[in-house]
Amino acid sequence: MTTYSIPAMSCGHCKATVEKTVLGLDPAATLSFDMPARTVAIVSGRDDALMRAALKDAGHEVLGIDLEDEVPHDVSSVLKED
């Protein structure tokens, strides 16, 4: 998951534009918006540079990103003691 900071994303129309742009690149992507923080968390198999360029072309320049590693859902295998 990558969280993008998009300061210009301030309304429902902006949200719809971001959603349309991302899903146009990757129809299987999932998005989670935090409108007060003006961020969107995206899970996608597409390249980050391509995603940022597409968002910029749509009028929403990304000013920051946060790359998050996926955590295994079943941590018992990771924490298993010998």
Protein backbone atom coordinates (compact mmCIF):
# COMPACT_ATOMS: atom_id res chain seq x y z
CA MET A 1 0.00 0.00 0.00
CA THR A 2 1.19 3.49 -0.81
CA THR A 3 -0.29 6.60 0.77
CA TYR A 4 -0.17 9.68 -1.42
CA SER A 5 -0.43 13.25 -0.10
CA ILE A 6 -2.46 15.31 -2.56
CA PRO A 7 -2.96 18.79 -1.05
CA ALA A 8 -5.20 19.99 -3.91
CA MET A 9 -7.70 17.15 -3.31
CA SER A 10 -10.31 19.10 -1.39
CA CYS A 11 -13.77 18.06 -2.59
CA GLY A 12 -15.89 15.22 -3.93
CA HIS A 13 -15.06 16.14 -7.53
CA CYS A 14 -11.34 15.92 -6.75
CA LYS A 15 -11.88 12.54 -5.09
CA ALA A 16 -13.80 11.28 -8.14
CA THR A 17 -11.01 12.44 -10.46
CA VAL A 18 -8.34 10.65 -8.40
CA GLU A 19 -10.49 7.51 -8.27
CA LYS A 20 -11.14 7.56 -12.03
CA THR A 21 -7.44 8.12 -12.76
CA VAL A 22 -6.22 5.30 -10.52
CA LEU A 23 -8.86 2.81 -11.65
CA GLY A 24 -8.11 3.74 -15.26
CA LEU A 25 -4.54 2.57 -14.71
CA ASP A 26 -5.43 -0.43 -12.58
CA PRO A 27 -9.07 -1.56 -12.43
CA ALA A 28 -8.17 -3.94 -9.57
CA ALA A 29 -6.71 -1.16 -7.38
CA THR A 30 -8.24 -0.37 -4.01
CA LEU A 31 -8.37 3.16 -2.66
CA SER A 32 -8.97 4.50 0.83
CA PHE A 33 -9.44 8.26 1.13
CA ASP A 34 -8.79 10.53 4.11
CA MET A 35 -10.25 13.77 2.82
CA PRO A 36 -9.47 15.94 5.89
CA ALA A 37 -5.80 14.89 5.62
CA ARG A 38 -5.96 15.09 1.82
CA THR A 39 -4.41 11.67 1.37
CA VAL A 40 -5.33 8.49 -0.44
CA ALA A 41 -3.96 5.03 0.31
CA ILE A 42 -3.71 2.91 -2.83
CA VAL A 43 -3.07 -0.80 -3.21
CA SER A 44 -2.04 -1.41 -6.81
CA GLY A 45 0.35 -3.46 -8.86
CA ARG A 46 1.18 -0.46 -11.05
CA ASP A 47 4.47 1.41 -10.89
CA ASP A 48 4.57 4.35 -8.45
CA ALA A 49 6.13 6.74 -11.00
CA LEU A 50 3.38 5.94 -13.49
CA MET A 51 0.71 6.50 -10.82
CA ARG A 52 2.21 9.85 -9.82
CA ALA A 53 2.47 10.98 -13.46
CA ALA A 54 -1.15 10.03 -14.17
CA LEU A 55 -2.37 11.89 -11.09
CA LYS A 56 -0.37 14.95 -12.09
CA ASP A 57 -1.79 14.80 -15.63
CA ALA A 58 -5.27 14.70 -14.06
CA GLY A 59 -4.49 17.92 -12.16
CA HIS A 60 -3.54 16.43 -8.80
CA GLU A 61 0.16 16.62 -8.16
CA VAL A 62 1.42 14.30 -5.45
CA LEU A 63 3.60 16.14 -2.94
CA GLY A 64 4.48 13.21 -0.73
CA ILE A 65 4.21 9.47 -0.44
CA ASP A 66 4.44 6.90 2.30
CA LEU A 67 5.36 3.39 1.25
CA GLU A 68 4.07 0.81 3.70
CA ASP A 69 5.24 -2.79 3.82
CA GLU A 70 2.50 -5.33 3.93
CA VAL A 71 2.31 -7.18 7.23
CA PRO A 72 1.43 -10.87 7.12
CA HIS A 73 -2.10 -11.52 8.34
CA ASP A 74 -0.99 -14.69 10.09
CA VAL A 75 1.87 -13.55 12.28
CA SER A 76 1.95 -16.84 14.15
CA SER A 77 4.21 -18.32 11.47
CA VAL A 78 6.61 -15.41 11.91
CA LEU A 79 6.57 -15.56 15.70
CA LYS A 80 6.81 -19.34 15.92
CA GLU A 81 9.26 -20.48 18.58
CA ASP A 82 11.45 -23.57 18.13
